[in-house]
Amino acid sequence: MFPFQKKSYDYKKLAGKWSGLCAQTGFHEGCYAKWLQLIADALGAQGGCLVLREGSGASLGVKACLDGRHFSFHPQDCSKLIQWLEKNKRGITRRQILEEPQYFPVKIHGLNFFLQFQAEACVPLFGGQERLAGILVFGPKKNNREYGAACLEVMEWFAAQLAPWLQNGLLTEELRRRQTEVDALRDLKSQMTANLSHELRTPLTSVLGFAEILAEEIDGPLLPEQKRHVAEILNGGERLLRTLSALVDMAKIEAGQYPLNVSQFHLGPVLEGALDEIALNGEIDLEVSLNGHTPMVYGDLQMVRQVFRQLLDNAAKYTPRGKVTVSAGRKGEMLEICVADTGIGIAKEKLPEIFRGFYQISSGLTRTYQGPGIGLALSKKMVEAHGGRLWAESRPGQGSQFFFTLPLKPITIRHKELAA
């Protein structure tokens, strides 16, 4: 902090004015002129300009000017003065550049700077990592006096107050700008996914329809080899259709556009419906520990069935032989459901990755387990949409346990929360 022994300025009063102005205006580009006006009034200056670095780049530009002038600022013509300000971290006046020998190395560039702004004094602003963030520039004093040591001192004091406030404000604006870009990209992604799904789903539905006609032998009997080919077409087409549906659902959830129809229901029938849609091979034993005493939950019935279907399908896929168990227990105001298997298991370091879209435990063209790898990511989003969470515990060779929670009390879903 700068010394306060000078009697020319009442720093306590200036600090009060500065704090009041900052509290009143907050941060936005419209407050630049108000800051400048407060400093200019304290200095008795006829005008002032605020020069700031453009984002994270190297160029400087005029952001505010009290007298309303609009002009082009050419930093390259003043580069030596700008370097001097960045190195010495203190203010300088036009008179000093003209008269004092120590400033002669920057005289030409300094005069170019002051002539461009019709100014008499300037002081640097510093952001993070001691990098020059900008320059405060002020015109002649109203009483035509020179800028002395006391003036430079109070200018530097104001620069010290302004710099962190400005830095925080610019960071906040940058975060808002980036969030806007992220939201726009997410919306674009959702729209592209929906359009692509529509373009693929329409011809795929026709392919599946004609394949079903062939499989039913409506147009005549098929040879055994032809029947196998048609079955492969149906299996591949249905898998692709499920993938497209999952992609669309993921895009809708991320965009906050997935409608939830919340009701109260028992998990037993939902689980039975999910089991009807998957194939457990004959070497897997299924044990269900849900009964009439299992509390009812609140949520979207179809969405919960989709989560069950994904977790059970996942357990069956990675358990060539063994046991799959479904159990549930009350945990406070939530019901905790567990789908456990005795399959191949997952390494601890890979557990966070399995909930990331398009991730496969085994990858490559020759991977053993097929699928797009978005089911768990989609299930996690769906559970979180209910205010619950989904996680896994596993050890290689010892199977996996997937847990998720659902509310036992009525919930209110705000669609925009789904995109969080």
Protein backbone atom coordinates (compact mmCIF):
# COMPACT_ATOMS: atom_id res chain seq x y z
CA MET A 1 0.00 0.00 0.00
CA PHE A 2 1.28 3.48 -0.83
CA PRO A 3 2.39 5.86 1.94
CA PHE A 4 -0.25 8.17 3.38
CA GLN A 5 1.97 10.95 4.68
CA LYS A 6 1.07 13.37 1.87
CA LYS A 7 -1.51 15.95 2.93
CA SER A 8 -2.61 16.81 -0.60
CA TYR A 9 -5.14 13.98 -0.72
CA ASP A 10 -7.48 12.55 1.88
CA TYR A 11 -6.96 8.85 1.21
CA LYS A 12 -9.57 7.80 3.76
CA LYS A 13 -12.19 9.87 1.96
CA LEU A 14 -11.06 8.59 -1.43
CA ALA A 15 -11.21 4.99 -0.20
CA GLY A 16 -14.78 5.56 0.98
CA LYS A 17 -15.81 6.99 -2.39
CA TRP A 18 -14.12 4.17 -4.24
CA SER A 19 -15.73 1.44 -2.12
CA GLY A 20 -19.14 3.07 -2.44
CA LEU A 21 -18.86 3.30 -6.23
CA CYS A 22 -17.74 -0.33 -6.58
CA ALA A 23 -20.56 -1.54 -4.35
CA GLN A 24 -23.08 0.54 -6.29
CA THR A 25 -22.04 -0.35 -9.83
CA GLY A 26 -20.69 -3.90 -9.57
CA PHE A 27 -18.73 -4.91 -12.66
CA HIS A 28 -19.67 -4.30 -16.27
CA GLU A 29 -18.12 -2.32 -19.11
CA GLY A 30 -20.49 0.56 -18.43
CA CYS A 31 -18.78 1.22 -15.09
CA TYR A 32 -15.39 1.98 -16.72
CA ALA A 33 -16.34 5.64 -17.31
CA LYS A 34 -17.60 6.02 -13.71
CA TRP A 35 -14.30 4.73 -12.34
CA LEU A 36 -12.40 7.09 -14.63
CA GLN A 37 -14.56 10.04 -13.63
CA LEU A 38 -13.98 9.42 -9.93
CA ILE A 39 -10.20 9.32 -10.41
CA ALA A 40 -10.18 12.32 -12.77
CA ASP A 41 -12.22 14.37 -10.26
CA ALA A 42 -9.78 13.47 -7.50
CA LEU A 43 -6.84 14.54 -9.67
CA GLY A 44 -8.58 17.60 -11.08
CA ALA A 45 -7.93 16.23 -14.59
CA GLN A 46 -9.84 17.44 -17.64
CA GLY A 47 -10.23 13.96 -19.06
CA GLY A 48 -9.04 10.39 -18.93
CA CYS A 49 -8.85 7.09 -20.79
CA LEU A 50 -8.72 3.45 -19.77
CA VAL A 51 -6.51 1.23 -21.92
CA LEU A 52 -6.82 -2.54 -21.37
CA ARG A 53 -5.23 -5.66 -22.74
CA GLU A 54 -7.50 -7.49 -25.17
CA GLY A 55 -8.35 -10.79 -23.45
CA SER A 56 -5.28 -12.98 -23.04
CA GLY A 57 -3.56 -11.52 -26.10
CA ALA A 58 -0.72 -9.02 -26.37
CA SER A 59 -2.63 -6.10 -27.92
CA LEU A 60 -3.96 -3.09 -25.99
CA GLY A 61 -7.12 -1.16 -26.76
CA VAL A 62 -9.03 1.87 -25.49
CA LYS A 63 -12.02 0.73 -23.44
CA ALA A 64 -13.32 4.05 -22.12
CA CYS A 65 -12.66 7.76 -22.69
CA LEU A 66 -14.26 10.55 -20.64
CA ASP A 67 -14.42 13.17 -23.37
CA GLY A 68 -16.13 10.76 -25.75
CA ARG A 69 -13.32 10.79 -28.31
CA HIS A 70 -12.98 7.79 -30.60
CA PHE A 71 -9.53 7.22 -32.01
CA SER A 72 -7.19 4.44 -33.01
CA PHE A 73 -4.49 3.64 -30.50
CA HIS A 74 -1.29 2.25 -32.02
CA PRO A 75 0.67 0.42 -29.29
CA GLN A 76 3.54 -0.37 -31.66
CA ASP A 77 4.37 3.35 -31.80
CA CYS A 78 4.67 3.44 -28.02
CA SER A 79 6.16 0.01 -27.31
CA LYS A 80 9.25 1.24 -25.42
CA LEU A 81 7.13 3.31 -23.03
CA ILE A 82 4.77 0.38 -22.48
CA GLN A 83 7.75 -1.86 -21.72
CA TRP A 84 9.05 0.79 -19.30
CA LEU A 85 5.71 0.92 -17.47
CA GLU A 86 5.61 -2.87 -17.22
CA LYS A 87 9.16 -3.04 -15.90
CA ASN A 88 9.09 -0.09 -13.45
CA LYS A 89 5.46 -0.44 -12.29
CA ARG A 90 4.95 3.26 -11.61
CA GLY A 91 3.42 6.32 -13.20
CA ILE A 92 5.09 8.85 -15.47
CA THR A 93 4.29 12.35 -16.77
CA ARG A 94 4.91 14.06 -20.08
CA ARG A 95 7.02 16.69 -18.33
CA GLN A 96 9.34 14.02 -16.91
CA ILE A 97 9.86 12.51 -20.38
CA LEU A 98 10.66 15.93 -21.82
CA GLU A 99 12.95 17.23 -19.07
CA GLU A 100 14.57 14.43 -17.08
CA PRO A 101 17.58 12.65 -18.66
CA GLN A 102 16.72 9.25 -17.12
CA TYR A 103 13.63 9.07 -19.35
CA PHE A 104 15.40 9.99 -22.60
CA PRO A 105 15.62 6.31 -23.79
CA VAL A 106 11.82 6.24 -24.01
CA LYS A 107 11.37 9.87 -25.03
CA ILE A 108 10.21 9.35 -28.62
CA HIS A 109 7.78 6.54 -27.80
CA GLY A 110 6.61 8.36 -24.68
CA LEU A 111 5.78 11.52 -26.60
CA ASN A 112 3.97 9.45 -29.24
CA PHE A 113 1.86 7.95 -26.47
CA PHE A 114 0.96 11.26 -24.82
CA LEU A 115 0.25 12.94 -28.15
CA GLN A 116 -2.13 10.17 -29.20
CA PHE A 117 -4.12 10.63 -26.00
CA GLN A 118 -3.53 14.39 -25.59
CA ALA A 119 -2.46 13.40 -22.09
CA GLU A 120 -0.15 14.60 -19.36
CA ALA A 121 0.22 11.55 -17.09
CA CYS A 122 -0.30 7.80 -17.03
CA VAL A 123 0.01 4.89 -14.62
CA PRO A 124 0.13 1.11 -15.30
CA LEU A 125 -2.42 -1.48 -14.13
CA PHE A 126 -1.28 -4.98 -13.26
CA GLY A 127 -3.19 -8.25 -13.32
CA GLY A 128 -2.14 -11.73 -12.30
CA GLN A 129 1.51 -12.81 -12.48
CA GLU A 130 2.68 -9.17 -12.55
CA ARG A 131 1.63 -8.82 -16.18
CA LEU A 132 0.63 -5.41 -17.49
CA ALA A 133 -3.17 -5.46 -17.71
CA GLY A 134 -3.73 -1.89 -18.83
CA ILE A 135 -2.92 1.81 -18.42
CA LEU A 136 -4.78 4.71 -16.83
CA VAL A 137 -4.22 7.89 -18.87
CA PHE A 138 -5.18 11.44 -17.81
CA GLY A 139 -5.29 14.77 -19.62
CA PRO A 140 -4.15 18.21 -18.42
CA LYS A 141 -5.27 19.45 -15.01
CA LYS A 142 -8.14 21.91 -14.92
CA ASN A 143 -5.99 24.46 -13.06
CA ASN A 144 -3.20 24.01 -15.64
CA ARG A 145 -0.75 22.90 -12.94
CA GLU A 146 1.77 20.11 -13.44
CA TYR A 147 1.31 16.56 -12.21
CA GLY A 148 3.64 16.40 -9.20
CA ALA A 149 4.76 13.61 -6.90
CA ALA A 150 1.52 13.72 -4.89
CA CYS A 151 -0.55 13.32 -8.09
CA LEU A 152 1.51 10.35 -9.26
CA GLU A 153 1.22 8.82 -5.83
CA VAL A 154 -2.58 9.02 -5.74
CA MET A 155 -2.76 7.74 -9.34
CA GLU A 156 -0.72 4.70 -8.30
CA TRP A 157 -2.98 4.23 -5.28
CA PHE A 158 -6.07 4.25 -7.49
CA ALA A 159 -4.36 1.83 -9.90
CA ALA A 160 -3.72 -0.54 -7.00
CA GLN A 161 -7.43 -0.43 -6.06
CA LEU A 162 -8.66 -0.80 -9.63
CA ALA A 163 -6.39 -3.61 -10.84
CA PRO A 164 -7.71 -6.54 -8.72
CA TRP A 165 -11.31 -5.39 -9.09
CA LEU A 166 -10.87 -5.17 -12.83
CA GLN A 167 -9.07 -8.52 -13.00
CA ASN A 168 -11.81 -10.33 -11.08
CA GLY A 169 -14.49 -8.69 -13.18
CA LEU A 170 -12.79 -9.63 -16.45
CA LEU A 171 -12.38 -13.22 -15.27
CA THR A 172 -16.07 -13.35 -14.37
CA GLU A 173 -17.01 -11.98 -17.78
CA GLU A 174 -14.73 -14.51 -19.46
CA LEU A 175 -16.34 -17.35 -17.52
CA ARG A 176 -19.79 -16.13 -18.53
CA ARG A 177 -18.71 -15.87 -22.15
CA ARG A 178 -17.29 -19.39 -22.13
CA GLN A 179 -20.39 -20.77 -20.43
CA THR A 180 -22.50 -19.16 -23.15
CA GLU A 181 -20.29 -20.82 -25.76
CA VAL A 182 -20.58 -24.18 -23.97
CA ASP A 183 -24.38 -23.86 -23.83
CA ALA A 184 -24.50 -22.98 -27.52
CA LEU A 185 -22.29 -25.94 -28.43
CA ARG A 186 -24.40 -28.25 -26.29
CA ASP A 187 -27.57 -27.06 -28.03
CA LEU A 188 -25.89 -27.48 -31.41
CA LYS A 189 -24.76 -30.97 -30.45
CA SER A 190 -28.28 -31.89 -29.36
CA GLN A 191 -29.77 -30.56 -32.59
CA MET A 192 -27.19 -32.35 -34.73
CA THR A 193 -27.76 -35.59 -32.82
CA ALA A 194 -31.52 -35.31 -33.24
CA ASN A 195 -31.21 -34.55 -36.97
CA LEU A 196 -28.72 -37.36 -37.53
CA SER A 197 -30.90 -39.79 -35.59
CA HIS A 198 -33.92 -38.87 -37.69
CA GLU A 199 -32.00 -39.31 -40.95
CA LEU A 200 -30.71 -42.72 -39.82
CA ARG A 201 -33.80 -43.95 -38.02
CA THR A 202 -36.12 -43.55 -41.02
CA PRO A 203 -34.21 -45.81 -43.46
CA LEU A 204 -33.25 -48.17 -40.60
CA THR A 205 -36.94 -48.69 -39.75
CA SER A 206 -37.55 -49.68 -43.38
CA VAL A 207 -34.62 -52.11 -43.31
CA LEU A 208 -35.93 -53.74 -40.13
CA GLY A 209 -39.47 -53.89 -41.49
CA PHE A 210 -38.43 -55.69 -44.69
CA ALA A 211 -36.13 -57.98 -42.69
CA GLU A 212 -39.07 -58.97 -40.48
CA ILE A 213 -41.16 -59.72 -43.59
CA LEU A 214 -38.37 -61.96 -44.85
CA ALA A 215 -38.03 -63.64 -41.46
CA GLU A 216 -41.76 -64.40 -41.36
CA GLU A 217 -41.41 -65.95 -44.85
CA ILE A 218 -44.46 -64.06 -46.09
CA ASP A 219 -43.04 -63.99 -49.62
CA GLY A 220 -41.97 -67.60 -49.54
CA PRO A 221 -39.74 -69.99 -47.59
CA LEU A 222 -36.07 -69.24 -46.95
CA LEU A 223 -33.10 -71.54 -47.01
CA PRO A 224 -31.42 -72.14 -43.58
CA GLU A 225 -28.45 -69.97 -44.57
CA GLN A 226 -30.80 -67.17 -45.67
CA LYS A 227 -32.62 -67.37 -42.34
CA ARG A 228 -29.30 -66.88 -40.50
CA HIS A 229 -28.50 -63.88 -42.68
CA VAL A 230 -31.89 -62.29 -41.99
CA ALA A 231 -31.48 -62.92 -38.25
CA GLU A 232 -28.10 -61.15 -38.35
CA ILE A 233 -29.71 -58.18 -40.16
CA LEU A 234 -32.43 -57.97 -37.49
CA ASN A 235 -29.98 -58.25 -34.58
CA GLY A 236 -27.61 -55.65 -36.02
CA GLY A 237 -30.43 -53.29 -36.96
CA GLU A 238 -32.06 -53.50 -33.55
CA ARG A 239 -28.72 -52.85 -31.85
CA LEU A 240 -28.15 -49.81 -34.06
CA LEU A 241 -31.69 -48.59 -33.31
CA ARG A 242 -31.04 -48.89 -29.55
CA THR A 243 -27.80 -46.96 -29.97
CA LEU A 244 -29.57 -44.18 -31.85
CA SER A 245 -32.26 -43.99 -29.16
CA ALA A 246 -29.59 -43.79 -26.43
CA LEU A 247 -27.78 -40.99 -28.29
CA VAL A 248 -30.98 -39.00 -28.63
CA ASP A 249 -31.86 -39.52 -24.95
CA MET A 250 -28.37 -38.41 -23.90
CA ALA A 251 -28.59 -35.29 -26.06
CA LYS A 252 -32.03 -34.43 -24.65
CA ILE A 253 -30.88 -34.85 -21.06
CA GLU A 254 -27.75 -32.75 -21.61
CA ALA A 255 -29.91 -30.04 -23.19
CA GLY A 256 -32.43 -30.18 -20.34
CA GLN A 257 -35.18 -31.21 -22.75
CA TYR A 258 -36.04 -34.69 -21.42
CA PRO A 259 -39.54 -34.65 -19.91
CA LEU A 260 -39.98 -36.57 -16.64
CA ASN A 261 -43.33 -38.11 -15.75
CA VAL A 262 -42.99 -38.55 -12.00
CA SER A 263 -45.20 -41.05 -10.16
CA GLN A 264 -44.99 -43.42 -7.18
CA PHE A 265 -44.45 -47.09 -7.95
CA HIS A 266 -43.07 -50.44 -6.74
CA LEU A 267 -39.75 -51.55 -8.23
CA GLY A 268 -40.78 -55.22 -8.63
CA PRO A 269 -42.90 -54.84 -11.79
CA VAL A 270 -40.38 -52.38 -13.25
CA LEU A 271 -37.59 -54.92 -12.74
CA GLU A 272 -39.68 -57.68 -14.32
CA GLY A 273 -40.29 -55.48 -17.36
CA ALA A 274 -36.56 -54.83 -17.70
CA LEU A 275 -35.75 -58.55 -17.40
CA ASP A 276 -38.14 -59.33 -20.25
CA GLU A 277 -36.03 -57.13 -22.55
CA ILE A 278 -32.62 -58.72 -21.92
CA ALA A 279 -31.22 -62.20 -22.42
CA LEU A 280 -29.60 -63.96 -19.45
CA ASN A 281 -27.75 -67.07 -20.59
CA GLY A 282 -28.40 -70.40 -18.93
CA GLU A 283 -25.17 -70.25 -16.92
CA ILE A 284 -26.23 -67.19 -14.92
CA ASP A 285 -28.31 -67.51 -11.74
CA LEU A 286 -30.56 -64.52 -10.99
CA GLU A 287 -31.45 -63.63 -7.41
CA VAL A 288 -33.92 -60.81 -6.67
CA SER A 289 -34.26 -59.53 -3.10
CA LEU A 290 -37.18 -57.18 -3.70
CA ASN A 291 -40.45 -57.99 -1.93
CA GLY A 292 -43.65 -56.45 -0.65
CA HIS A 293 -41.75 -54.71 2.13
CA THR A 294 -39.52 -52.80 -0.29
CA PRO A 295 -40.66 -49.15 -0.13
CA MET A 296 -42.24 -47.51 -3.15
CA VAL A 297 -40.16 -44.85 -4.91
CA TYR A 298 -40.92 -41.65 -6.80
CA GLY A 299 -39.65 -41.14 -10.32
CA ASP A 300 -40.15 -41.63 -14.02
CA LEU A 301 -41.16 -45.30 -14.36
CA GLN A 302 -39.89 -45.69 -17.94
CA MET A 303 -36.61 -44.02 -17.12
CA VAL A 304 -36.03 -46.23 -14.06
CA ARG A 305 -36.81 -49.33 -16.13
CA GLN A 306 -34.22 -48.16 -18.67
CA VAL A 307 -31.62 -47.85 -15.88
CA PHE A 308 -32.47 -51.38 -14.66
CA ARG A 309 -32.27 -52.72 -18.21
CA GLN A 310 -28.84 -51.17 -18.74
CA LEU A 311 -27.39 -52.40 -15.44
CA LEU A 312 -28.80 -55.92 -15.87
CA ASP A 313 -27.64 -56.06 -19.49
CA ASN A 314 -24.22 -54.86 -18.36
CA ALA A 315 -24.07 -57.54 -15.64
CA ALA A 316 -25.12 -60.28 -18.08
CA LYS A 317 -22.64 -59.12 -20.72
CA TYR A 318 -19.63 -59.24 -18.39
CA THR A 319 -20.65 -62.40 -16.50
CA PRO A 320 -20.16 -65.41 -18.77
CA ARG A 321 -21.20 -67.67 -15.89
CA GLY A 322 -22.04 -67.00 -12.27
CA LYS A 323 -24.66 -65.00 -10.43
CA VAL A 324 -26.50 -61.68 -10.75
CA THR A 325 -28.22 -60.26 -7.66
CA VAL A 326 -30.67 -57.37 -7.33
CA SER A 327 -31.29 -55.97 -3.83
CA ALA A 328 -32.53 -52.75 -2.24
CA GLY A 329 -32.48 -51.05 1.15
CA ARG A 330 -33.59 -47.79 2.68
CA LYS A 331 -30.91 -45.11 3.16
CA GLY A 332 -32.47 -42.08 4.85
CA GLU A 333 -34.93 -40.50 2.41
CA MET A 334 -33.59 -42.56 -0.52
CA LEU A 335 -33.85 -46.19 -1.58
CA GLU A 336 -30.47 -47.67 -2.48
CA ILE A 337 -30.63 -50.35 -5.18
CA CYS A 338 -27.73 -52.67 -5.94
CA VAL A 339 -27.19 -54.76 -9.08
CA ALA A 340 -24.28 -57.12 -8.35
CA ASP A 341 -22.58 -59.76 -10.47
CA THR A 342 -19.74 -62.26 -10.17
CA GLY A 343 -18.28 -61.42 -13.57
CA ILE A 344 -14.91 -60.22 -14.82
CA GLY A 345 -14.85 -57.09 -12.64
CA ILE A 346 -13.29 -53.70 -13.33
CA ALA A 347 -9.93 -52.28 -12.27
CA LYS A 348 -10.17 -49.50 -9.67
CA GLU A 349 -8.51 -46.91 -11.91
CA LYS A 350 -11.08 -47.57 -14.66
CA LEU A 351 -14.18 -47.13 -12.47
CA PRO A 352 -14.49 -43.34 -13.07
CA GLU A 353 -14.11 -43.89 -16.82
CA ILE A 354 -17.03 -46.29 -17.26
CA PHE A 355 -19.54 -43.47 -16.68
CA ARG A 356 -17.99 -41.41 -19.44
CA GLY A 357 -19.76 -41.72 -22.77
CA PHE A 358 -18.35 -44.07 -25.44
CA TYR A 359 -16.02 -45.88 -23.06
CA GLN A 360 -15.46 -49.64 -23.29
CA ILE A 361 -13.53 -51.76 -20.79
CA SER A 362 -12.11 -53.63 -23.76
CA SER A 363 -11.53 -51.52 -26.85
CA GLY A 364 -10.42 -51.98 -30.42
CA LEU A 365 -11.74 -53.81 -33.44
CA THR A 366 -11.35 -57.20 -31.77
CA ARG A 367 -12.97 -56.35 -28.44
CA THR A 368 -14.99 -59.14 -26.85
CA TYR A 369 -17.94 -57.08 -25.58
CA GLN A 370 -19.95 -55.14 -28.13
CA GLY A 371 -21.90 -51.92 -27.62
CA PRO A 372 -21.41 -48.14 -27.99
CA GLY A 373 -20.38 -47.66 -24.36
CA ILE A 374 -22.88 -44.91 -23.54
CA GLY A 375 -25.38 -46.90 -21.50
CA LEU A 376 -23.80 -46.25 -18.11
CA ALA A 377 -23.26 -42.56 -18.88
CA LEU A 378 -26.92 -42.26 -19.84
CA SER A 379 -28.05 -44.19 -16.75
CA LYS A 380 -26.01 -41.90 -14.51
CA LYS A 381 -27.68 -38.83 -16.05
CA MET A 382 -31.10 -40.39 -15.57
CA VAL A 383 -30.51 -41.24 -11.91
CA GLU A 384 -29.11 -37.76 -11.24
CA ALA A 385 -32.23 -36.30 -12.85
CA HIS A 386 -34.13 -37.83 -9.91
CA GLY A 387 -31.81 -36.25 -7.35
CA GLY A 388 -30.01 -39.57 -6.82
CA ARG A 389 -26.58 -40.86 -7.75
CA LEU A 390 -25.09 -43.90 -9.45
CA TRP A 391 -21.71 -45.42 -8.64
CA ALA A 392 -19.82 -48.71 -8.82
CA GLU A 393 -17.52 -50.86 -6.70
CA SER A 394 -15.52 -53.64 -8.28
CA ARG A 395 -12.39 -55.80 -8.26
CA PRO A 396 -10.97 -57.63 -11.29
CA GLY A 397 -12.00 -61.27 -11.29
CA GLN A 398 -14.40 -60.81 -8.36
CA GLY A 399 -17.37 -59.12 -10.00
CA SER A 400 -18.95 -55.69 -9.75
CA GLN A 401 -21.62 -53.91 -7.73
CA PHE A 402 -23.57 -51.03 -9.25
CA PHE A 403 -25.51 -48.86 -6.80
CA PHE A 404 -28.10 -46.18 -7.51
CA THR A 405 -30.51 -44.24 -5.33
CA LEU A 406 -34.08 -43.08 -5.88
CA PRO A 407 -36.22 -40.77 -3.71
CA LEU A 408 -38.80 -42.12 -1.29
CA LYS A 409 -40.59 -38.77 -1.10
CA PRO A 410 -42.24 -36.69 -3.84
CA ILE A 411 -39.76 -34.72 -5.93
CA THR A 412 -39.97 -31.67 -8.15
CA ILE A 413 -37.85 -31.85 -11.28
CA ARG A 414 -36.72 -28.71 -13.05
CA HIS A 415 -35.78 -29.73 -16.55
CA LYS A 416 -32.80 -27.36 -16.74
CA GLU A 417 -31.18 -29.30 -13.88
CA LEU A 418 -30.79 -32.29 -16.18
CA ALA A 419 -28.13 -30.47 -18.19
CA ALA A 420 -25.96 -29.69 -15.16
